[in-house]
Protein backbone atom coordinates (compact mmCIF):
# COMPACT_ATOMS: atom_id res chain seq x y z
CA MET A 1 -0.02 0.07 0.18
CA SER A 2 1.29 3.37 -0.35
CA TRP A 3 -0.65 7.07 -1.00
CA GLY A 4 0.42 8.40 -4.51
CA GLY A 5 1.33 10.81 -7.05
CA SER A 6 5.24 11.32 -5.70
CA TYR A 7 4.98 9.79 -2.98
CA HIS A 8 4.27 6.47 -4.92
CA ASN A 9 6.55 7.29 -7.64
CA ALA A 10 9.86 7.56 -5.00
CA VAL A 11 8.74 4.52 -3.14
CA LEU A 12 8.65 2.80 -6.88
CA LYS A 13 12.19 4.02 -7.54
CA GLY A 14 14.03 4.12 -4.61
CA LEU A 15 12.18 0.84 -3.53
CA VAL A 16 10.26 -1.21 -5.49
CA GLU A 17 12.56 -1.56 -8.24
CA PRO A 18 16.10 -2.01 -7.23
CA PHE A 19 13.74 -4.93 -4.83
CA MET A 20 11.65 -6.64 -7.41
CA ALA A 21 15.52 -6.20 -9.34
CA GLU A 22 17.77 -7.42 -6.29
CA THR A 23 15.79 -10.59 -5.59
CA GLY A 24 13.34 -11.29 -8.29
CA ILE A 25 9.84 -11.07 -6.16
CA HIS A 26 7.27 -8.85 -7.92
CA VAL A 27 5.66 -6.55 -6.80
CA THR A 28 1.90 -4.84 -7.21
CA MET A 29 1.81 -1.00 -5.17
CA VAL A 30 -1.88 -0.18 -4.18
CA ASP A 31 -2.50 3.62 -3.05
CA THR A 32 -4.26 4.94 -0.04
CA PRO A 33 -3.89 2.51 2.69
CA ASP A 34 -7.22 2.43 4.55
CA LEU A 35 -7.65 0.82 7.88
CA ALA A 36 -10.89 0.14 7.78
CA LYS A 37 -10.54 -2.12 4.45
CA VAL A 38 -8.18 -4.26 6.45
CA LYS A 39 -10.57 -4.54 8.94
CA ALA A 40 -12.21 -5.87 6.27
CA GLN A 41 -10.00 -8.39 5.21
CA ILE A 42 -8.86 -9.57 8.16
CA LEU A 43 -12.49 -10.29 9.70
CA SER A 44 -13.39 -12.08 6.38
CA GLY A 45 -10.81 -14.27 5.92
CA ASN A 46 -10.15 -12.55 2.43
CA VAL A 47 -6.39 -10.59 2.99
CA GLU A 48 -5.03 -9.26 -0.04
CA TRP A 49 -2.73 -6.69 1.03
CA ASP A 50 0.81 -7.66 2.16
CA LEU A 51 2.35 -4.42 3.20
CA PHE A 52 0.58 -1.35 4.92
CA ASP A 53 2.45 2.00 5.63
CA SER A 54 1.13 3.57 7.93
CA PRO A 55 1.42 6.74 9.55
CA GLY A 56 1.70 6.64 13.54
CA PRO A 57 -1.53 7.47 14.99
CA LEU A 58 -3.13 4.33 12.38
CA ALA A 59 -0.17 1.92 12.26
CA ALA A 60 -0.76 1.99 16.27
CA THR A 61 -3.62 1.20 16.20
CA GLY A 62 -3.91 -1.72 14.51
CA SER A 63 -1.38 -3.70 16.28
CA ARG A 64 -3.99 -2.42 18.79
CA GLU A 65 -6.13 -4.07 17.20
CA GLY A 66 -4.01 -7.23 16.37
CA TYR A 67 -3.80 -6.14 12.70
CA TRP A 68 -0.06 -6.83 11.61
CA GLU A 69 1.57 -10.30 11.73
CA ALA A 70 4.62 -10.55 13.95
CA LEU A 71 8.70 -8.77 12.52
CA ASP A 72 11.53 -10.92 12.69
CA THR A 73 13.16 -7.37 14.30
CA SER A 74 16.37 -10.45 14.58
CA ARG A 75 16.66 -9.51 10.39
CA LEU A 76 16.61 -5.42 10.59
CA PRO A 77 20.18 -3.11 11.08
CA LEU A 78 18.60 -2.53 15.11
CA SER A 79 22.24 -1.06 15.55
CA GLU A 80 21.78 1.88 13.17
CA LEU A 81 18.11 2.65 13.96
CA SER A 82 17.25 6.03 15.45
CA VAL A 83 13.50 4.27 16.30
CA GLN A 84 13.36 0.91 17.33
CA PRO A 85 10.91 -1.30 15.81
CA THR A 86 8.01 -2.76 18.20
CA HIS A 87 6.89 -6.49 17.77
CA ASP A 88 4.34 -5.40 14.45
CA LEU A 89 6.10 -1.40 13.08
CA ALA A 90 8.49 -1.34 11.57
CA PRO A 91 9.85 2.27 12.14
CA PHE A 92 10.07 3.71 7.71
CA PHE A 93 11.33 7.84 8.33
CA LEU A 94 9.57 10.32 9.75
CA THR A 95 7.87 13.41 7.95
CA ALA A 96 7.08 17.04 8.88
CA GLY A 97 3.17 18.04 8.44
CA GLY A 98 3.30 22.21 8.11
CA ILE A 99 1.82 25.13 6.19
CA ALA A 100 1.69 25.29 1.74
CA TYR A 101 1.24 28.01 0.32
CA ASP A 102 1.91 29.99 -3.51
CA PRO A 103 4.52 32.80 -2.76
CA LYS A 104 3.91 34.53 -5.96
CA GLU A 105 0.16 34.81 -4.68
CA PHE A 106 1.02 34.81 -0.89
CA PRO A 107 4.30 36.89 -0.47
CA GLU A 108 6.12 36.91 2.91
CA GLY A 109 4.11 38.47 5.25
CA ARG A 110 0.94 37.85 3.32
CA HIS A 111 0.80 33.47 4.48
CA PRO A 112 0.92 31.86 8.17
CA ARG A 113 3.57 30.42 8.90
CA ASN A 114 2.25 28.39 12.29
CA PHE A 115 -0.79 26.63 12.99
CA GLU A 116 -1.97 29.42 14.96
CA GLU A 117 -1.27 31.55 11.70
CA TYR A 118 -2.81 29.17 9.62
CA PHE A 119 -6.40 29.46 12.02
CA ASP A 120 -6.73 33.32 11.85
CA VAL A 121 -8.89 33.95 8.81
CA ARG A 122 -9.20 37.82 9.39
CA ARG A 123 -5.85 38.01 9.23
CA PHE A 124 -4.85 35.85 6.76
CA PRO A 125 -8.93 35.10 4.56
CA GLY A 126 -8.81 32.85 2.02
CA LEU A 127 -9.22 28.65 1.63
CA ARG A 128 -7.67 26.30 3.29
CA THR A 129 -7.63 22.51 3.55
CA LEU A 130 -6.67 20.47 6.73
CA ARG A 131 -6.68 15.98 6.44
CA ASN A 132 -9.94 14.12 6.70
CA ARG A 133 -8.91 11.94 9.53
CA VAL A 134 -9.20 13.20 13.10
CA SER A 135 -5.19 12.69 14.18
CA GLU A 136 -3.08 15.29 12.88
CA THR A 137 -6.34 17.68 12.23
CA LEU A 138 -6.97 17.47 16.28
CA GLU A 139 -2.68 18.52 17.13
CA VAL A 140 -3.21 20.82 14.32
CA ALA A 141 -6.28 22.52 15.74
CA LEU A 142 -4.73 22.64 19.31
CA LEU A 143 -1.33 24.07 18.44
CA ALA A 144 -3.32 26.66 16.27
CA ASP A 145 -5.10 27.75 19.94
CA GLY A 146 -2.01 28.04 21.69
CA VAL A 147 -1.47 24.36 22.93
CA ALA A 148 2.67 24.44 23.75
CA PRO A 149 4.57 21.51 21.32
CA ASP A 150 5.72 19.62 24.54
CA GLN A 151 1.84 19.60 26.85
CA LEU A 152 -0.52 18.97 23.98
CA TYR A 153 -1.12 14.99 24.92
CA PRO A 154 -3.32 13.98 26.39
CA LEU A 155 -5.37 15.97 23.68
CA ASP A 156 -7.80 18.13 25.11
CA VAL A 157 -10.48 16.49 22.38
CA ALA A 158 -13.60 19.59 23.65
CA ARG A 159 -11.05 22.01 23.21
CA GLY A 160 -9.75 20.84 19.57
CA PHE A 161 -13.02 20.43 18.08
CA ARG A 162 -14.56 23.54 19.56
CA MET A 163 -11.10 25.46 17.10
CA LEU A 164 -12.16 22.80 14.10
CA ASP A 165 -15.52 25.18 14.53
CA THR A 166 -13.82 28.51 14.59
CA ILE A 167 -11.95 27.22 10.28
CA LYS A 168 -14.65 24.73 8.91
CA PRO A 169 -16.61 27.16 7.04
CA SER A 170 -13.39 27.72 5.62
CA ILE A 171 -12.04 24.91 4.60
CA ILE A 172 -12.82 23.82 0.96
CA LYS A 173 -10.87 20.15 1.65
CA TRP A 174 -11.05 17.64 3.74
CA VAL A 175 -8.24 15.65 1.62
CA GLU A 176 -8.30 12.21 1.72
CA ALA A 177 -5.88 11.29 -0.71
CA THR A 178 -2.16 13.14 0.37
CA THR A 179 -1.84 13.88 -3.21
CA GLN A 180 -4.77 16.86 -3.40
CA THR A 181 -3.11 19.12 -0.73
CA ILE A 182 -1.20 20.58 -3.35
CA THR A 183 -2.79 19.93 -6.55
CA LEU A 184 -5.52 21.98 -4.89
CA LEU A 185 -3.26 24.64 -4.36
CA GLN A 186 -2.43 24.65 -7.53
CA ALA A 187 -4.95 24.37 -9.34
CA GLY A 188 -5.91 27.82 -7.07
CA GLU A 189 -9.35 26.24 -5.18
CA ALA A 190 -7.47 26.16 -2.02
CA ASP A 191 -5.18 29.67 -0.82
CA PHE A 192 -2.93 27.89 1.78
CA SER A 193 -2.71 24.25 2.13
CA TYR A 194 -1.98 21.79 5.07
CA SER A 195 0.53 19.22 3.39
CA TYR A 196 3.94 17.84 4.01
CA ALA A 197 7.46 19.43 3.18
CA SER A 198 8.40 16.28 1.60
CA ARG A 199 5.53 17.13 -1.04
CA VAL A 200 6.01 20.28 -1.58
CA GLN A 201 10.41 20.14 -1.99
CA THR A 202 9.53 17.84 -4.72
CA ALA A 203 6.50 19.64 -6.47
CA ARG A 204 9.14 22.38 -6.86
CA ALA A 205 12.06 20.37 -7.92
CA SER A 206 9.61 19.28 -10.56
CA GLY A 207 9.56 22.57 -11.86
CA GLY A 208 7.12 25.14 -13.03
CA VAL A 209 5.34 25.39 -10.09
CA SER A 210 5.39 27.88 -7.36
CA ILE A 211 5.01 27.24 -3.97
CA ASP A 212 6.43 26.81 -0.62
CA PHE A 213 6.18 25.47 3.06
CA SER A 214 6.53 27.18 6.23
CA PHE A 215 9.13 25.60 8.69
CA GLY A 216 7.66 28.29 10.81
CA GLN A 217 5.79 24.98 13.35
CA THR A 218 5.73 21.92 11.79
CA LEU A 219 3.20 18.45 13.29
CA ASN A 220 6.62 15.32 13.23
CA PHE A 221 5.24 12.33 12.73
CA LEU A 222 6.58 8.83 12.17
CA GLU A 223 5.65 6.35 9.36
CA TYR A 224 5.21 2.55 9.25
CA LEU A 225 6.04 -0.35 7.78
CA SER A 226 3.66 -3.01 8.59
CA ILE A 227 2.31 -6.96 8.08
CA LEU A 228 -0.79 -8.14 7.53
CA LYS A 229 -2.08 -11.09 9.54
CA GLY A 230 -2.98 -13.10 7.56
CA ALA A 231 -0.88 -11.66 4.22
CA PRO A 232 -0.41 -13.76 1.10
CA HIS A 233 3.33 -13.05 1.22
CA ARG A 234 4.23 -13.05 4.73
CA GLU A 235 7.68 -14.40 4.03
CA GLU A 236 8.25 -11.97 0.53
CA ALA A 237 6.59 -8.75 3.18
CA MET A 238 9.76 -9.22 5.62
CA GLN A 239 12.51 -9.46 3.51
CA PHE A 240 11.00 -6.44 1.53
CA ILE A 241 11.05 -4.56 5.34
CA ALA A 242 14.99 -5.17 5.91
CA PHE A 243 15.88 -4.50 2.75
CA ALA A 244 13.77 -0.87 2.98
CA LEU A 245 15.74 -0.40 6.19
CA ARG A 246 18.88 -0.97 4.60
CA ALA A 247 21.14 2.61 4.85
CA ASP A 248 21.57 2.34 1.36
CA ARG A 249 18.04 1.79 0.55
CA GLN A 250 16.79 3.90 3.47
CA ALA A 251 19.05 6.90 1.86
CA GLU A 252 18.18 6.26 -2.38
CA THR A 253 14.50 6.68 -1.51
CA MET A 254 14.51 9.62 1.01
CA ASN A 255 16.34 11.81 -1.34
CA LEU A 256 13.52 11.62 -3.94
CA LEU A 257 10.42 11.16 -1.19
CA VAL A 258 12.12 14.06 1.35
CA ASN A 259 11.84 12.41 4.69
CA ARG A 260 14.02 11.86 7.61
CA PRO A 261 15.51 8.45 7.07
CA VAL A 262 15.28 6.42 10.74
CA ASN A 263 18.12 4.74 9.40
CA GLU A 264 21.61 7.01 10.65
CA LYS A 265 24.16 6.03 8.86
CA ALA A 266 21.69 7.08 6.02
CA MET A 267 21.49 10.35 6.83
CA GLY A 268 25.23 10.75 5.62
CA MET A 269 24.31 9.84 2.61
CA LEU A 270 21.45 12.48 1.85
CA SER A 271 22.14 14.63 -1.01
CA GLN A 272 23.06 18.81 0.30
CA LYS A 273 19.57 19.63 -1.73
CA VAL A 274 17.22 17.85 0.38
CA LEU A 275 18.78 18.21 4.08
CA PRO A 276 17.52 21.65 4.56
CA TRP A 277 14.07 19.97 4.12
CA MET A 278 14.81 17.34 6.79
CA PRO A 279 12.12 17.69 9.67
CA ASP A 280 13.18 19.38 12.80
CA ILE A 281 13.38 16.88 15.07
CA ASN A 282 14.37 19.32 18.17
CA PRO A 283 11.37 20.29 21.11
CA GLY A 284 9.55 23.72 20.91
CA LYS A 285 8.12 24.72 18.39
CA ASN A 286 7.46 21.43 16.99
CA ALA A 287 5.44 19.31 18.27
CA LEU A 288 5.99 15.39 17.23
CA VAL A 289 2.88 12.92 17.14
CA ASN A 290 2.19 10.90 20.16
CA ASP A 291 1.46 7.11 18.34
CA ALA A 292 0.69 5.50 21.62
CA TRP A 293 -1.76 8.11 22.78
CA TRP A 294 -3.79 7.80 19.57
CA ALA A 295 -3.31 3.77 20.07
CA GLU A 296 -6.01 3.76 23.02
CA ASN A 297 -7.69 7.17 21.23
CA TYR A 298 -8.21 6.29 17.66
CA ALA A 299 -11.13 4.91 16.92
CA PRO A 300 -13.83 6.50 19.16
CA LEU A 301 -12.50 10.21 17.97
CA GLU A 302 -12.09 9.30 14.19
CA ARG A 303 -15.94 8.13 14.02
CA ARG A 304 -16.43 11.59 15.94
CA PHE A 305 -14.54 13.53 13.24
CA LYS A 306 -16.26 11.96 10.18
CA GLU A 307 -19.49 12.24 11.99
CA TRP A 308 -18.39 16.50 12.83
CA THR A 309 -17.25 17.15 9.14
CA LEU A 310 -21.07 15.60 8.42
CA SER A 311 -22.61 18.23 10.78
């Protein structure tokens, strides 16, 4: 499972094609991971997917629900990893979510630089995007309301939803497919977009796109790889995870994805052009998503959030 657009292409070039060439194992990529579909496949006994690529809250929730196979961690380069795997989750990379904008339309001083300004529709009028999931969105709302990054958890859910009420009329799209965080901005349908540093850098590097990203404040989170319970190709999936965490594969893939590798040896192999786009992992103005908290709270809050977006 992958996430479409430039993300799909980067994983294809950095991991999938080299893996197929080295092992002879064929890999099929399908876009947009969905935890509800994972549950349906497992409950029906008709598991179609092998590898699931997801941000921490989804991955940790799946772990709590028993959706993933145990990993053979002895096959992973544990001494090189900045984040250790759990019994069923392999860390893949660290990414930064924040504010994307068109610098031609909104030069310095006319675009929001942090989440408080993103929610200030009087000072920065215009249409926005947010993700169509409660994780990330609730954190962004609380940071916008002045909660200190190191004081986010446990999340004040009621306060977060009150803050989301204030921006709801200015949300042009609750985004499902990550590619839309960029395409809605490019099409002029959104004035500002909650997107990711990696996506913005890739769009800029492609040429002819006026887009930038504010590092004034970011929400950082880990991405994980996991194997579905009852996966038809469990052994091959485990081989792929071990391959994905090798330093050389991490470096090549993150040079394309523009995310921070979890294999620390890969940091020294990164291109100079992508280093400035790496997430700032130092505490302060930026926050790190707490996967353990979401594992206990994701399912009921996701239902509440989806009902709220439709009300």
